[in-house]
Protein backbone atom coordinates (compact mmCIF):
# COMPACT_ATOMS: atom_id res chain seq x y z
CA UNK A 1 -55.21 28.18 0.71
CA UNK A 2 -52.25 26.71 2.64
CA UNK A 3 -51.01 28.81 5.54
CA UNK A 4 -47.85 27.98 7.51
CA UNK A 5 -47.08 29.91 10.68
CA UNK A 6 -44.00 29.55 12.91
CA UNK A 7 -43.51 25.92 11.83
CA UNK A 8 -40.27 24.56 13.27
CA UNK A 9 -38.29 21.73 14.77
CA UNK A 10 -34.66 21.26 15.78
CA UNK A 11 -33.61 21.02 12.12
CA UNK A 12 -35.27 24.08 10.62
CA UNK A 13 -37.60 27.04 10.97
CA UNK A 14 -39.52 28.84 12.14
CA UNK A 15 -41.18 28.95 8.71
CA UNK A 16 -43.95 31.31 7.62
CA UNK A 17 -45.42 30.72 4.17
CA UNK A 18 -48.69 31.16 2.27
CA UNK A 19 -49.50 29.12 -0.82
CA UNK A 20 -52.44 30.06 -3.05
CA UNK A 21 -54.61 27.75 -5.12
CA UNK A 22 -52.95 27.18 -8.51
CA UNK A 23 -49.62 28.63 -7.35
CA UNK A 24 -46.15 27.09 -7.43
CA UNK A 25 -43.61 28.26 -4.88
CA UNK A 26 -40.08 27.04 -5.55
CA UNK A 27 -37.47 26.51 -2.82
CA UNK A 28 -33.77 26.39 -3.63
CA UNK A 29 -30.84 25.68 -1.35
CA UNK A 30 -27.82 23.57 -0.61
CA UNK A 31 -28.15 19.98 0.55
CA UNK A 32 -28.88 19.89 4.27
CA UNK A 33 -30.18 23.48 4.36
CA UNK A 34 -33.64 22.39 5.57
CA UNK A 35 -35.72 22.11 2.38
CA UNK A 36 -36.96 18.59 3.04
CA UNK A 37 -37.55 19.48 6.69
CA UNK A 38 -40.03 22.15 5.59
CA UNK A 39 -41.95 19.72 3.37
CA UNK A 40 -42.04 16.97 5.99
CA UNK A 41 -43.25 19.38 8.68
CA UNK A 42 -46.08 20.64 6.45
CA UNK A 43 -47.06 17.05 5.64
CA UNK A 44 -47.16 16.21 9.38
CA UNK A 45 -44.51 13.54 8.95
CA UNK A 46 -42.07 15.03 11.46
CA UNK A 47 -42.77 16.38 14.94
CA UNK A 48 -42.61 20.15 15.22
CA UNK A 49 -44.23 23.27 16.61
CA UNK A 50 -46.30 25.92 14.87
CA UNK A 51 -49.50 25.87 12.84
CA UNK A 52 -50.56 24.76 9.37
CA UNK A 53 -54.02 25.28 7.91
CA UNK A 54 -55.60 24.31 4.58
CA UNK A 55 -58.67 26.29 3.55
CA UNK A 56 -59.06 27.19 7.22
CA UNK A 57 -58.79 23.57 8.42
CA UNK A 58 -56.23 23.21 11.19
CA UNK A 59 -53.86 20.32 10.46
CA UNK A 60 -53.78 19.37 14.13
CA UNK A 61 -57.57 18.84 14.11
CA UNK A 62 -57.47 16.13 11.46
CA UNK A 63 -55.81 12.72 11.33
CA UNK A 64 -52.43 12.32 9.66
CA UNK A 65 -53.77 10.04 6.87
CA UNK A 66 -56.66 12.42 6.12
CA UNK A 67 -54.29 15.39 5.99
CA UNK A 68 -51.82 13.59 3.74
CA UNK A 69 -54.54 12.74 1.21
CA UNK A 70 -55.08 16.47 0.68
CA UNK A 71 -51.48 17.57 1.22
CA UNK A 72 -49.33 14.97 -0.55
CA UNK A 73 -45.59 14.78 0.12
CA UNK A 74 -43.41 13.16 -2.53
CA UNK A 75 -39.93 12.40 -1.25
CA UNK A 76 -36.82 12.68 -3.38
CA UNK A 77 -36.57 8.88 -3.13
CA UNK A 78 -40.18 7.68 -2.85
CA UNK A 79 -40.95 4.50 -0.96
CA UNK A 80 -42.25 1.36 -2.68
CA UNK A 81 -43.70 -1.36 -0.47
CA UNK A 82 -44.90 -3.98 -2.97
CA UNK A 83 -43.12 -5.78 -5.82
CA UNK A 84 -45.24 -4.47 -8.70
CA UNK A 85 -46.41 -0.94 -9.47
CA UNK A 86 -50.14 -1.72 -9.59
CA UNK A 87 -50.21 -2.62 -5.89
CA UNK A 88 -49.32 0.99 -5.02
CA UNK A 89 -52.57 2.40 -6.40
CA UNK A 90 -56.13 2.25 -5.11
CA UNK A 91 -58.48 0.40 -7.51
CA UNK A 92 -60.67 3.49 -7.79
CA UNK A 93 -57.71 5.56 -9.04
CA UNK A 94 -56.73 3.27 -11.93
CA UNK A 95 -58.61 5.19 -14.63
CA UNK A 96 -56.77 8.34 -13.57
CA UNK A 97 -53.47 6.43 -13.46
CA UNK A 98 -53.96 5.10 -16.99
CA UNK A 99 -54.62 8.66 -18.21
CA UNK A 100 -51.54 10.07 -16.46
CA UNK A 101 -48.93 7.47 -17.46
CA UNK A 102 -48.71 8.37 -21.18
CA UNK A 103 -48.54 12.07 -20.30
CA UNK A 104 -45.20 11.30 -18.66
CA UNK A 105 -43.97 9.01 -21.42
CA UNK A 106 -44.71 5.85 -19.42
CA UNK A 107 -46.25 2.67 -20.81
CA UNK A 108 -49.33 1.11 -19.23
CA UNK A 109 -47.31 -2.11 -19.12
CA UNK A 110 -45.21 -0.62 -16.30
CA UNK A 111 -48.04 -1.38 -13.91
CA UNK A 112 -47.19 -5.08 -14.06
CA UNK A 113 -43.38 -4.73 -13.95
CA UNK A 114 -41.37 -5.44 -10.81
CA UNK A 115 -40.52 -2.06 -9.26
CA UNK A 116 -36.89 -3.15 -8.85
CA UNK A 117 -36.58 -3.51 -12.63
CA UNK A 118 -37.66 0.07 -13.34
CA UNK A 119 -35.08 2.79 -13.91
CA UNK A 120 -34.71 5.57 -11.34
CA UNK A 121 -36.36 7.97 -13.77
CA UNK A 122 -39.30 5.63 -14.35
CA UNK A 123 -39.81 5.25 -10.61
CA UNK A 124 -39.63 9.00 -10.14
CA UNK A 125 -42.30 9.63 -12.79
CA UNK A 126 -44.42 6.77 -11.47
CA UNK A 127 -44.23 8.35 -8.02
CA UNK A 128 -45.66 11.57 -9.46
CA UNK A 129 -48.52 9.58 -10.99
CA UNK A 130 -49.14 8.02 -7.57
CA UNK A 131 -49.14 11.47 -5.94
CA UNK A 132 -51.51 13.04 -8.47
CA UNK A 133 -53.89 10.06 -8.65
CA UNK A 134 -55.26 10.73 -5.16
CA UNK A 135 -56.37 14.23 -6.24
CA UNK A 136 -54.47 16.36 -3.72
CA UNK A 137 -55.10 20.04 -3.05
CA UNK A 138 -51.40 20.63 -2.35
CA UNK A 139 -48.39 18.77 -3.71
CA UNK A 140 -45.10 18.95 -1.79
CA UNK A 141 -42.40 17.88 -4.25
CA UNK A 142 -38.83 17.16 -3.21
CA UNK A 143 -36.58 17.16 -6.31
CA UNK A 144 -39.19 15.48 -8.55
CA UNK A 145 -37.06 15.68 -11.72
CA UNK A 146 -33.59 15.05 -10.27
CA UNK A 147 -33.13 11.77 -12.20
CA UNK A 148 -34.86 12.81 -15.42
CA UNK A 149 -33.56 13.83 -18.82
CA UNK A 150 -34.64 17.09 -20.44
CA UNK A 151 -37.62 15.59 -22.29
CA UNK A 152 -38.99 13.83 -19.22
CA UNK A 153 -38.46 16.95 -17.11
CA UNK A 154 -40.42 18.99 -19.65
CA UNK A 155 -43.26 16.43 -19.53
CA UNK A 156 -43.37 16.58 -15.73
CA UNK A 157 -43.42 20.38 -15.74
CA UNK A 158 -46.16 20.47 -18.40
CA UNK A 159 -48.34 18.08 -16.38
CA UNK A 160 -47.83 20.09 -13.21
CA UNK A 161 -48.76 23.32 -15.01
CA UNK A 162 -51.94 21.68 -16.30
CA UNK A 163 -52.89 20.60 -12.79
CA UNK A 164 -52.02 24.03 -11.41
CA UNK A 165 -54.39 25.56 -13.98
CA UNK A 166 -57.06 23.38 -12.35
CA UNK A 167 -56.21 24.67 -8.87
CA UNK A 168 -53.43 22.40 -7.58
CA UNK A 169 -50.96 24.24 -5.36
CA UNK A 170 -47.32 23.11 -5.55
CA UNK A 171 -44.40 23.62 -3.19
CA UNK A 172 -41.38 22.59 -5.25
CA UNK A 173 -37.93 21.88 -3.86
CA UNK A 174 -35.32 21.96 -6.61
CA UNK A 175 -31.60 22.46 -7.09
CA UNK A 176 -32.24 24.02 -10.51
CA UNK A 177 -32.59 27.80 -10.53
CA UNK A 178 -33.77 27.48 -14.14
CA UNK A 179 -36.57 25.14 -13.10
CA UNK A 180 -37.51 27.47 -10.26
CA UNK A 181 -37.78 30.32 -12.76
CA UNK A 182 -39.89 28.25 -15.15
CA UNK A 183 -42.28 26.86 -12.56
CA UNK A 184 -42.39 29.18 -9.58
CA UNK A 185 -44.51 32.28 -9.24
CA UNK A 186 -42.33 32.93 -6.19
CA UNK A 187 -38.92 31.57 -5.24
CA UNK A 188 -37.18 31.27 -1.89
CA UNK A 189 -33.64 30.34 -0.93
CA UNK A 190 -33.31 28.05 2.08
CA UNK A 191 -30.25 29.08 4.06
CA UNK A 192 -29.42 27.40 7.37
CA UNK A 193 -33.01 26.33 8.00
CA UNK A 194 -34.60 29.68 7.12
CA UNK A 195 -36.50 30.89 4.04
CA UNK A 196 -35.29 34.01 2.24
CA UNK A 197 -37.07 35.54 -0.78
CA UNK A 198 -34.89 35.02 -3.85
């Protein structure tokens, strides 16, 4: 489904990777090893060389916004550009948002709360709701449970598994080898900007 060939920039690569529909590939590695570089290159957020295709569609033949609606990148510290949560969602996605929030232990009332008043864990889960609400084909997740307790982490993993059963492909960056074992059909170690099968 997602095919990465010789993708690189000055900070990492070249990367070669295939990701199937419904599959989770986990990437482990030390801070600064190049994990986020890989995700940002796939999402067309950083300049690089090489090729990425999704279901045969060449990334370079589509606009960045169109690509990033199908291949969604969620940063370790997601950006928020408006005071309240509701402003970060398209009106047409609100029914999906309201269905997702309780699955992650979040109240519908959070939509009207000032983002700055939310805990780091609430923002992290809300960011996942934002990512899933657009209905991506591929989700590029950079440490999506880093600020979560065990119960919230379990809820995130359960939701991702449900979406994977429906065909979502996930590339998961994590520092937890246990999480990689739970979630990943395949696992790679990122060492000095290169992927190595774990």
